[in-house]
């Protein structure tokens, strides 16, 4: 069972960064944690789809979509692939779609919002690079914890 982020922060304090950005919970699991993997992309989810189709081994994918809500970076098929491949969750600095289907999956999904519009599929972006969202660095291999209170990242 995942430890509550508030309790974890009380225990570890300055060893953690707290994401002040307010994300919505869309997945069937609100609390999740794991080692960080990253994708940096803008309105193109080909790398997100490809990475989530590989063994996740309990990792959390952090997608830096530059905060764009113009098109979705994760939909129900990609989220279902993440479940099948053992990912713990997905944190999207951008939009998702297929909210109702994603809510039925045993997967943590946090995002800024939703948009039914598809994204491009050209493969533009970068995988497993440090990404900065609202001043917090999400570096591949570090640990992230998420629950209803928010997101904490190991420094």
N, C-alpha and C. Protein backbone atom coordinates (compact mmCIF):
# COMPACT_ATOMS: atom_id res chain seq x y z
N UNK A 1 0.84 -1.19 0.00
CA UNK A 1 0.00 0.00 0.00
C UNK A 1 0.88 1.25 0.00
N UNK A 2 0.51 2.22 -0.77
CA UNK A 2 1.25 3.47 -0.89
C UNK A 2 1.07 4.32 0.37
N UNK A 3 2.16 4.90 0.84
CA UNK A 3 2.11 5.79 2.00
C UNK A 3 1.48 7.12 1.57
N UNK A 4 0.69 7.73 2.43
CA UNK A 4 0.07 9.02 2.15
C UNK A 4 1.15 10.08 1.95
N UNK A 5 0.96 10.92 0.93
CA UNK A 5 1.98 11.94 0.65
C UNK A 5 2.15 12.90 1.83
N UNK A 6 1.09 13.23 2.54
CA UNK A 6 1.21 14.13 3.69
C UNK A 6 2.10 13.50 4.76
N UNK A 7 1.90 12.21 5.04
CA UNK A 7 2.73 11.51 6.02
C UNK A 7 4.17 11.39 5.54
N UNK A 8 4.34 11.12 4.27
CA UNK A 8 5.69 11.02 3.70
C UNK A 8 6.42 12.35 3.80
N UNK A 9 5.71 13.44 3.52
CA UNK A 9 6.34 14.76 3.63
C UNK A 9 6.71 15.06 5.08
N UNK A 10 5.83 14.71 6.02
CA UNK A 10 6.13 14.91 7.44
C UNK A 10 7.38 14.15 7.84
N UNK A 11 7.57 12.99 7.26
CA UNK A 11 8.70 12.12 7.58
C UNK A 11 10.00 12.58 6.91
N UNK A 12 9.91 13.02 5.65
CA UNK A 12 11.14 13.28 4.87
C UNK A 12 11.38 14.74 4.53
N UNK A 13 10.36 15.58 4.63
CA UNK A 13 10.50 17.02 4.46
C UNK A 13 11.31 17.47 3.25
N UNK A 14 12.42 18.17 3.54
CA UNK A 14 13.21 18.80 2.49
C UNK A 14 13.91 17.82 1.55
N UNK A 15 13.81 16.55 1.79
CA UNK A 15 14.36 15.56 0.86
C UNK A 15 13.42 15.34 -0.33
N UNK A 16 12.24 16.01 -0.26
CA UNK A 16 11.23 15.86 -1.29
C UNK A 16 10.84 17.20 -1.87
N UNK A 17 10.47 17.20 -3.14
CA UNK A 17 9.86 18.36 -3.76
C UNK A 17 8.36 18.09 -3.86
N UNK A 18 7.56 19.11 -3.62
CA UNK A 18 6.12 19.00 -3.72
C UNK A 18 5.64 19.79 -4.93
N UNK A 19 4.90 19.14 -5.81
CA UNK A 19 4.39 19.80 -7.00
C UNK A 19 3.19 20.66 -6.62
N UNK A 20 3.33 21.97 -6.77
CA UNK A 20 2.24 22.89 -6.41
C UNK A 20 1.14 22.92 -7.47
N UNK A 21 1.46 22.49 -8.66
CA UNK A 21 0.47 22.46 -9.74
C UNK A 21 -0.66 21.52 -9.37
N UNK A 22 -1.89 21.98 -9.55
CA UNK A 22 -3.06 21.19 -9.17
C UNK A 22 -3.51 20.32 -10.33
N UNK A 23 -3.25 19.02 -10.23
CA UNK A 23 -3.65 18.06 -11.25
C UNK A 23 -4.93 17.34 -10.82
N UNK A 24 -5.70 16.88 -11.80
CA UNK A 24 -6.91 16.12 -11.53
C UNK A 24 -6.61 14.62 -11.57
N UNK A 25 -7.33 13.86 -10.75
CA UNK A 25 -7.21 12.40 -10.76
C UNK A 25 -8.21 11.84 -11.77
N UNK A 26 -7.72 11.05 -12.72
CA UNK A 26 -8.58 10.47 -13.74
C UNK A 26 -8.58 8.95 -13.73
N UNK A 27 -7.57 8.32 -13.17
CA UNK A 27 -7.46 6.86 -13.20
C UNK A 27 -8.27 6.19 -12.12
N UNK A 28 -8.34 4.87 -12.21
CA UNK A 28 -9.06 4.08 -11.22
C UNK A 28 -8.32 3.97 -9.90
N UNK A 29 -7.06 4.36 -9.88
CA UNK A 29 -6.27 4.42 -8.64
C UNK A 29 -5.86 5.86 -8.41
N UNK A 30 -6.15 6.36 -7.22
CA UNK A 30 -5.77 7.73 -6.89
C UNK A 30 -4.35 7.76 -6.33
N UNK A 31 -4.00 6.77 -5.52
CA UNK A 31 -2.66 6.71 -4.91
C UNK A 31 -1.78 5.73 -5.68
N UNK A 32 -0.60 6.21 -6.06
CA UNK A 32 0.35 5.36 -6.77
C UNK A 32 1.76 5.94 -6.59
N UNK A 33 2.74 5.11 -6.81
CA UNK A 33 4.12 5.58 -6.73
C UNK A 33 5.01 4.64 -7.52
N UNK A 34 6.23 5.10 -7.78
CA UNK A 34 7.19 4.26 -8.48
C UNK A 34 8.34 5.08 -8.99
N UNK A 35 9.33 4.41 -9.61
CA UNK A 35 10.44 5.12 -10.22
C UNK A 35 9.95 5.89 -11.44
N UNK A 36 10.57 7.02 -11.69
CA UNK A 36 10.16 7.91 -12.77
C UNK A 36 10.77 7.49 -14.10
N UNK A 37 9.93 7.51 -15.14
CA UNK A 37 10.34 7.50 -16.54
C UNK A 37 9.72 8.76 -17.14
N UNK A 38 10.29 9.32 -18.18
CA UNK A 38 9.76 10.57 -18.71
C UNK A 38 9.64 10.56 -20.23
N UNK A 39 8.71 11.38 -20.71
CA UNK A 39 8.58 11.74 -22.11
C UNK A 39 8.33 13.24 -22.15
N UNK A 40 9.09 13.93 -22.99
CA UNK A 40 8.84 15.35 -23.25
C UNK A 40 8.32 15.43 -24.68
N UNK A 41 7.11 15.95 -24.85
CA UNK A 41 6.50 16.04 -26.18
C UNK A 41 5.49 17.18 -26.18
N UNK A 42 5.09 17.59 -27.37
CA UNK A 42 4.09 18.64 -27.48
C UNK A 42 3.09 18.26 -28.56
N UNK A 43 1.88 17.92 -28.14
CA UNK A 43 0.78 17.58 -29.04
C UNK A 43 1.10 16.39 -29.96
N UNK A 44 1.97 15.49 -29.49
CA UNK A 44 2.35 14.29 -30.24
C UNK A 44 2.58 13.18 -29.23
N UNK A 45 1.75 12.13 -29.28
CA UNK A 45 1.85 11.10 -28.25
C UNK A 45 2.48 9.79 -28.72
N UNK A 46 3.15 9.77 -29.86
CA UNK A 46 3.74 8.53 -30.37
C UNK A 46 4.76 7.94 -29.39
N UNK A 47 5.59 8.78 -28.78
CA UNK A 47 6.57 8.27 -27.82
C UNK A 47 5.91 7.78 -26.54
N UNK A 48 4.84 8.42 -26.13
CA UNK A 48 4.08 7.99 -24.95
C UNK A 48 3.52 6.59 -25.20
N UNK A 49 2.88 6.42 -26.35
CA UNK A 49 2.30 5.12 -26.71
C UNK A 49 3.37 4.04 -26.77
N UNK A 50 4.49 4.34 -27.42
CA UNK A 50 5.57 3.34 -27.57
C UNK A 50 6.14 2.94 -26.22
N UNK A 51 6.39 3.91 -25.34
CA UNK A 51 7.00 3.61 -24.04
C UNK A 51 6.04 2.81 -23.16
N UNK A 52 4.77 3.17 -23.14
CA UNK A 52 3.81 2.46 -22.30
C UNK A 52 3.49 1.06 -22.82
N UNK A 53 3.93 0.75 -24.03
CA UNK A 53 3.77 -0.60 -24.58
C UNK A 53 4.93 -1.51 -24.19
N UNK A 54 5.88 -0.99 -23.40
CA UNK A 54 7.02 -1.78 -22.93
C UNK A 54 6.82 -2.10 -21.45
N UNK A 55 7.55 -3.08 -20.91
CA UNK A 55 7.40 -3.42 -19.49
C UNK A 55 7.65 -2.21 -18.58
N UNK A 56 6.66 -1.88 -17.76
CA UNK A 56 6.78 -0.74 -16.86
C UNK A 56 7.43 -1.07 -15.54
N UNK A 57 7.28 -2.32 -15.10
CA UNK A 57 7.88 -2.77 -13.85
C UNK A 57 7.57 -1.83 -12.68
N UNK A 58 6.32 -1.33 -12.63
CA UNK A 58 5.90 -0.49 -11.52
C UNK A 58 6.32 0.96 -11.61
N UNK A 59 6.80 1.40 -12.76
CA UNK A 59 7.25 2.78 -12.93
C UNK A 59 6.06 3.72 -13.16
N UNK A 60 6.33 5.01 -13.01
CA UNK A 60 5.36 6.06 -13.28
C UNK A 60 5.91 6.88 -14.45
N UNK A 61 5.11 7.02 -15.49
CA UNK A 61 5.51 7.84 -16.63
C UNK A 61 5.07 9.28 -16.40
N UNK A 62 6.03 10.19 -16.44
CA UNK A 62 5.75 11.62 -16.33
C UNK A 62 5.87 12.20 -17.74
N UNK A 63 4.76 12.74 -18.24
CA UNK A 63 4.70 13.27 -19.59
C UNK A 63 4.65 14.79 -19.52
N UNK A 64 5.69 15.44 -20.02
CA UNK A 64 5.69 16.90 -20.08
C UNK A 64 5.16 17.32 -21.44
N UNK A 65 3.89 17.63 -21.47
CA UNK A 65 3.24 18.11 -22.69
C UNK A 65 3.17 19.62 -22.74
N UNK A 66 4.05 20.29 -21.98
CA UNK A 66 4.12 21.76 -21.92
C UNK A 66 2.82 22.40 -21.46
N UNK A 67 2.00 21.62 -20.77
CA UNK A 67 0.76 22.17 -20.24
C UNK A 67 -0.32 22.40 -21.27
N UNK A 68 -0.13 21.90 -22.48
CA UNK A 68 -1.11 22.11 -23.54
C UNK A 68 -2.37 21.29 -23.29
N UNK A 69 -3.51 21.95 -23.45
CA UNK A 69 -4.81 21.28 -23.36
C UNK A 69 -5.45 21.19 -24.74
N UNK A 70 -4.68 21.45 -25.79
CA UNK A 70 -5.21 21.49 -27.15
C UNK A 70 -5.48 20.12 -27.75
N UNK A 71 -4.79 19.09 -27.26
CA UNK A 71 -5.05 17.72 -27.71
C UNK A 71 -4.57 16.77 -26.62
N UNK A 72 -5.15 15.56 -26.62
CA UNK A 72 -4.86 14.58 -25.57
C UNK A 72 -3.59 13.80 -25.86
N UNK A 73 -2.82 13.56 -24.81
CA UNK A 73 -1.60 12.77 -24.93
C UNK A 73 -1.79 11.33 -24.47
N UNK A 74 -2.87 11.05 -23.75
CA UNK A 74 -3.18 9.69 -23.30
C UNK A 74 -4.68 9.47 -23.46
N UNK A 75 -5.02 8.32 -24.05
CA UNK A 75 -6.41 7.91 -24.17
C UNK A 75 -6.60 6.53 -23.58
N UNK A 76 -7.79 5.96 -23.76
CA UNK A 76 -8.09 4.68 -23.13
C UNK A 76 -7.23 3.53 -23.63
N UNK A 77 -6.90 3.49 -24.90
CA UNK A 77 -6.10 2.39 -25.44
C UNK A 77 -4.67 2.44 -24.90
N UNK A 78 -4.11 3.63 -24.85
CA UNK A 78 -2.75 3.79 -24.31
C UNK A 78 -2.74 3.47 -22.82
N UNK A 79 -3.75 3.93 -22.09
CA UNK A 79 -3.82 3.64 -20.65
C UNK A 79 -3.99 2.14 -20.41
N UNK A 80 -4.81 1.47 -21.22
CA UNK A 80 -4.98 0.03 -21.08
C UNK A 80 -3.67 -0.70 -21.36
N UNK A 81 -2.90 -0.22 -22.31
CA UNK A 81 -1.59 -0.79 -22.60
C UNK A 81 -0.66 -0.64 -21.39
N UNK A 82 -0.74 0.51 -20.73
CA UNK A 82 0.08 0.73 -19.52
C UNK A 82 -0.27 -0.28 -18.44
N UNK A 83 -1.55 -0.55 -18.26
CA UNK A 83 -1.98 -1.54 -17.27
C UNK A 83 -1.44 -2.92 -17.64
N UNK A 84 -1.61 -3.31 -18.90
CA UNK A 84 -1.15 -4.62 -19.37
C UNK A 84 0.36 -4.80 -19.20
N UNK A 85 1.09 -3.70 -19.24
CA UNK A 85 2.54 -3.77 -19.19
C UNK A 85 3.13 -3.42 -17.82
N UNK A 86 2.28 -3.31 -16.80
CA UNK A 86 2.77 -3.18 -15.43
C UNK A 86 3.24 -1.80 -15.00
N UNK A 87 2.69 -0.75 -15.60
CA UNK A 87 3.00 0.61 -15.15
C UNK A 87 2.13 0.95 -13.95
N UNK A 88 2.67 1.71 -13.00
CA UNK A 88 1.90 2.10 -11.81
C UNK A 88 1.01 3.31 -12.08
N UNK A 89 1.48 4.21 -12.93
CA UNK A 89 0.71 5.42 -13.17
C UNK A 89 1.31 6.29 -14.25
N UNK A 90 0.54 7.34 -14.56
CA UNK A 90 0.93 8.32 -15.57
C UNK A 90 0.58 9.70 -15.02
N UNK A 91 1.53 10.61 -15.08
CA UNK A 91 1.31 12.01 -14.70
C UNK A 91 1.51 12.83 -15.97
N UNK A 92 0.47 13.57 -16.39
CA UNK A 92 0.51 14.29 -17.65
C UNK A 92 0.40 15.79 -17.42
N UNK A 93 1.43 16.51 -17.82
CA UNK A 93 1.37 17.97 -17.81
C UNK A 93 0.76 18.37 -19.15
N UNK A 94 -0.54 18.10 -19.23
CA UNK A 94 -1.30 18.29 -20.45
C UNK A 94 -2.64 17.60 -20.30
N UNK A 95 -3.22 17.21 -21.44
CA UNK A 95 -4.57 16.64 -21.44
C UNK A 95 -4.57 15.14 -21.72
N UNK A 96 -5.65 14.50 -21.26
CA UNK A 96 -5.95 13.11 -21.58
C UNK A 96 -7.33 13.11 -22.24
N UNK A 97 -7.79 11.94 -22.68
CA UNK A 97 -9.16 11.80 -23.18
C UNK A 97 -9.69 10.44 -22.75
N UNK A 98 -10.92 10.15 -23.05
CA UNK A 98 -11.56 8.89 -22.65
C UNK A 98 -11.60 8.75 -21.13
N UNK A 99 -12.02 9.82 -20.47
CA UNK A 99 -12.02 9.88 -19.01
C UNK A 99 -12.77 8.72 -18.36
N UNK A 100 -13.94 8.39 -18.84
CA UNK A 100 -14.74 7.34 -18.19
C UNK A 100 -14.07 5.98 -18.31
N UNK A 101 -13.51 5.68 -19.47
CA UNK A 101 -12.82 4.40 -19.65
C UNK A 101 -11.56 4.33 -18.79
N UNK A 102 -10.83 5.42 -18.71
CA UNK A 102 -9.61 5.46 -17.90
C UNK A 102 -9.95 5.32 -16.41
N UNK A 103 -11.05 5.89 -15.99
CA UNK A 103 -11.48 5.78 -14.58
C UNK A 103 -11.75 4.34 -14.17
N UNK A 104 -12.06 3.49 -15.14
CA UNK A 104 -12.36 2.09 -14.84
C UNK A 104 -11.10 1.21 -14.79
N UNK A 105 -9.95 1.77 -15.12
CA UNK A 105 -8.70 1.00 -15.16
C UNK A 105 -7.96 1.06 -13.82
N UNK A 106 -7.29 -0.03 -13.44
CA UNK A 106 -6.49 -0.02 -12.20
C UNK A 106 -5.14 0.65 -12.44
N UNK A 107 -5.19 1.95 -12.68
CA UNK A 107 -4.01 2.74 -13.03
C UNK A 107 -4.16 4.13 -12.45
N UNK A 108 -3.08 4.68 -11.93
CA UNK A 108 -3.09 6.07 -11.49
C UNK A 108 -2.89 6.97 -12.69
N UNK A 109 -3.75 7.96 -12.87
CA UNK A 109 -3.60 8.93 -13.96
C UNK A 109 -3.93 10.31 -13.42
N UNK A 110 -2.96 11.19 -13.47
CA UNK A 110 -3.16 12.58 -13.10
C UNK A 110 -2.85 13.43 -14.31
N UNK A 111 -3.65 14.47 -14.54
CA UNK A 111 -3.44 15.36 -15.68
C UNK A 111 -4.09 16.71 -15.39
N UNK A 112 -3.79 17.68 -16.27
CA UNK A 112 -4.38 19.01 -16.13
C UNK A 112 -5.86 19.01 -16.47
N UNK A 113 -6.25 18.21 -17.45
CA UNK A 113 -7.63 18.19 -17.89
C UNK A 113 -7.81 17.20 -19.01
N UNK A 114 -8.92 17.36 -19.75
CA UNK A 114 -9.20 16.45 -20.85
C UNK A 114 -9.63 17.21 -22.09
N UNK A 115 -9.45 16.54 -23.23
CA UNK A 115 -9.85 17.08 -24.52
C UNK A 115 -10.04 15.88 -25.45
N UNK A 116 -11.16 15.77 -26.15
CA UNK A 116 -11.38 14.62 -27.02
C UNK A 116 -10.50 14.62 -28.26
N UNK A 117 -9.85 15.72 -28.56
CA UNK A 117 -9.03 15.81 -29.77
C UNK A 117 -7.78 14.94 -29.68
N UNK A 118 -7.51 14.18 -30.75
CA UNK A 118 -6.30 13.35 -30.84
C UNK A 118 -5.07 14.21 -31.01
N UNK A 119 -3.93 13.66 -30.63
CA UNK A 119 -2.67 14.35 -30.88
C UNK A 119 -2.02 13.75 -32.12
N UNK A 120 -0.94 14.36 -32.57
CA UNK A 120 -0.17 13.87 -33.71
C UNK A 120 0.51 12.56 -33.33
N UNK A 121 1.00 11.84 -34.31
CA UNK A 121 1.64 10.54 -34.10
C UNK A 121 2.96 10.47 -34.87
N UNK A 122 3.73 11.54 -34.83
CA UNK A 122 4.96 11.60 -35.62
C UNK A 122 6.20 11.17 -34.85
N UNK A 123 6.13 11.08 -33.54
CA UNK A 123 7.27 10.66 -32.74
C UNK A 123 8.19 11.79 -32.31
N UNK A 124 7.71 13.02 -32.37
CA UNK A 124 8.52 14.16 -31.95
C UNK A 124 8.60 14.19 -30.42
N UNK A 125 9.79 14.40 -29.89
CA UNK A 125 9.96 14.50 -28.45
C UNK A 125 11.19 13.78 -27.98
N UNK A 126 11.29 13.61 -26.65
CA UNK A 126 12.44 12.97 -26.03
C UNK A 126 11.96 12.03 -24.93
N UNK A 127 12.71 10.94 -24.73
CA UNK A 127 12.39 9.94 -23.72
C UNK A 127 13.50 9.88 -22.68
N UNK A 128 13.10 9.73 -21.42
CA UNK A 128 14.02 9.57 -20.30
C UNK A 128 15.05 10.69 -20.17
N UNK A 129 14.53 11.91 -20.26
CA UNK A 129 15.32 13.11 -19.98
C UNK A 129 14.70 13.80 -18.78
N UNK A 130 15.47 14.53 -17.98
CA UNK A 130 14.85 15.27 -16.88
C UNK A 130 13.85 16.29 -17.44
N UNK A 131 12.68 16.36 -16.82
CA UNK A 131 11.69 17.36 -17.20
C UNK A 131 11.36 18.20 -15.98
N UNK A 132 11.06 19.46 -16.21
CA UNK A 132 10.72 20.38 -15.13
C UNK A 132 9.27 20.81 -15.33
N UNK A 133 8.46 20.56 -14.31
CA UNK A 133 7.06 20.95 -14.34
C UNK A 133 6.81 21.80 -13.10
N UNK A 134 6.38 23.03 -13.32
CA UNK A 134 6.09 23.97 -12.22
C UNK A 134 7.24 24.05 -11.23
N UNK A 135 8.46 24.06 -11.76
CA UNK A 135 9.65 24.21 -10.92
C UNK A 135 10.16 22.94 -10.27
N UNK A 136 9.48 21.80 -10.47
CA UNK A 136 9.90 20.54 -9.87
C UNK A 136 10.57 19.69 -10.95
N UNK A 137 11.75 19.15 -10.62
CA UNK A 137 12.49 18.31 -11.55
C UNK A 137 12.05 16.86 -11.39
N UNK A 138 11.61 16.27 -12.49
CA UNK A 138 11.28 14.85 -12.55
C UNK A 138 12.41 14.19 -13.33
N UNK A 139 13.33 13.56 -12.62
CA UNK A 139 14.49 12.93 -13.25
C UNK A 139 14.28 11.43 -13.33
N UNK A 140 14.55 10.84 -14.48
CA UNK A 140 14.40 9.39 -14.61
C UNK A 140 15.16 8.65 -13.51
N UNK A 141 14.48 7.65 -12.93
CA UNK A 141 15.08 6.85 -11.87
C UNK A 141 14.76 7.31 -10.47
N UNK A 142 14.46 8.59 -10.29
CA UNK A 142 14.03 9.06 -8.97
C UNK A 142 12.63 8.54 -8.70
N UNK A 143 12.20 8.64 -7.45
CA UNK A 143 10.90 8.10 -7.05
C UNK A 143 9.86 9.22 -6.99
N UNK A 144 8.63 8.91 -7.38
CA UNK A 144 7.52 9.84 -7.30
C UNK A 144 6.38 9.16 -6.56
N UNK A 145 5.68 9.92 -5.73
CA UNK A 145 4.51 9.46 -5.00
C UNK A 145 3.35 10.40 -5.35
N UNK A 146 2.17 9.84 -5.55
CA UNK A 146 1.00 10.66 -5.87
C UNK A 146 -0.22 10.11 -5.15
N UNK A 147 -1.06 11.01 -4.69
CA UNK A 147 -2.34 10.63 -4.10
C UNK A 147 -3.28 11.82 -4.20
N UNK A 148 -4.39 11.77 -3.48
CA UNK A 148 -5.38 12.84 -3.57
C UNK A 148 -4.84 14.19 -3.11
N UNK A 149 -3.82 14.19 -2.27
CA UNK A 149 -3.24 15.45 -1.79
C UNK A 149 -2.26 16.08 -2.78
N UNK A 150 -1.67 15.27 -3.68
CA UNK A 150 -0.75 15.85 -4.63
C UNK A 150 0.36 14.90 -5.02
N UNK A 151 1.48 15.51 -5.44
CA UNK A 151 2.62 14.75 -5.99
C UNK A 151 3.90 15.17 -5.27
N UNK A 152 4.65 14.17 -4.82
CA UNK A 152 5.96 14.40 -4.22
C UNK A 152 7.02 13.69 -5.04
N UNK A 153 8.20 14.34 -5.14
CA UNK A 153 9.30 13.79 -5.92
C UNK A 153 10.56 13.78 -5.08
N UNK A 154 11.25 12.67 -5.13
CA UNK A 154 12.55 12.53 -4.46
C UNK A 154 13.54 13.49 -5.12
N UNK A 155 14.30 14.21 -4.29
CA UNK A 155 15.33 15.13 -4.82
C UNK A 155 16.59 14.38 -5.20
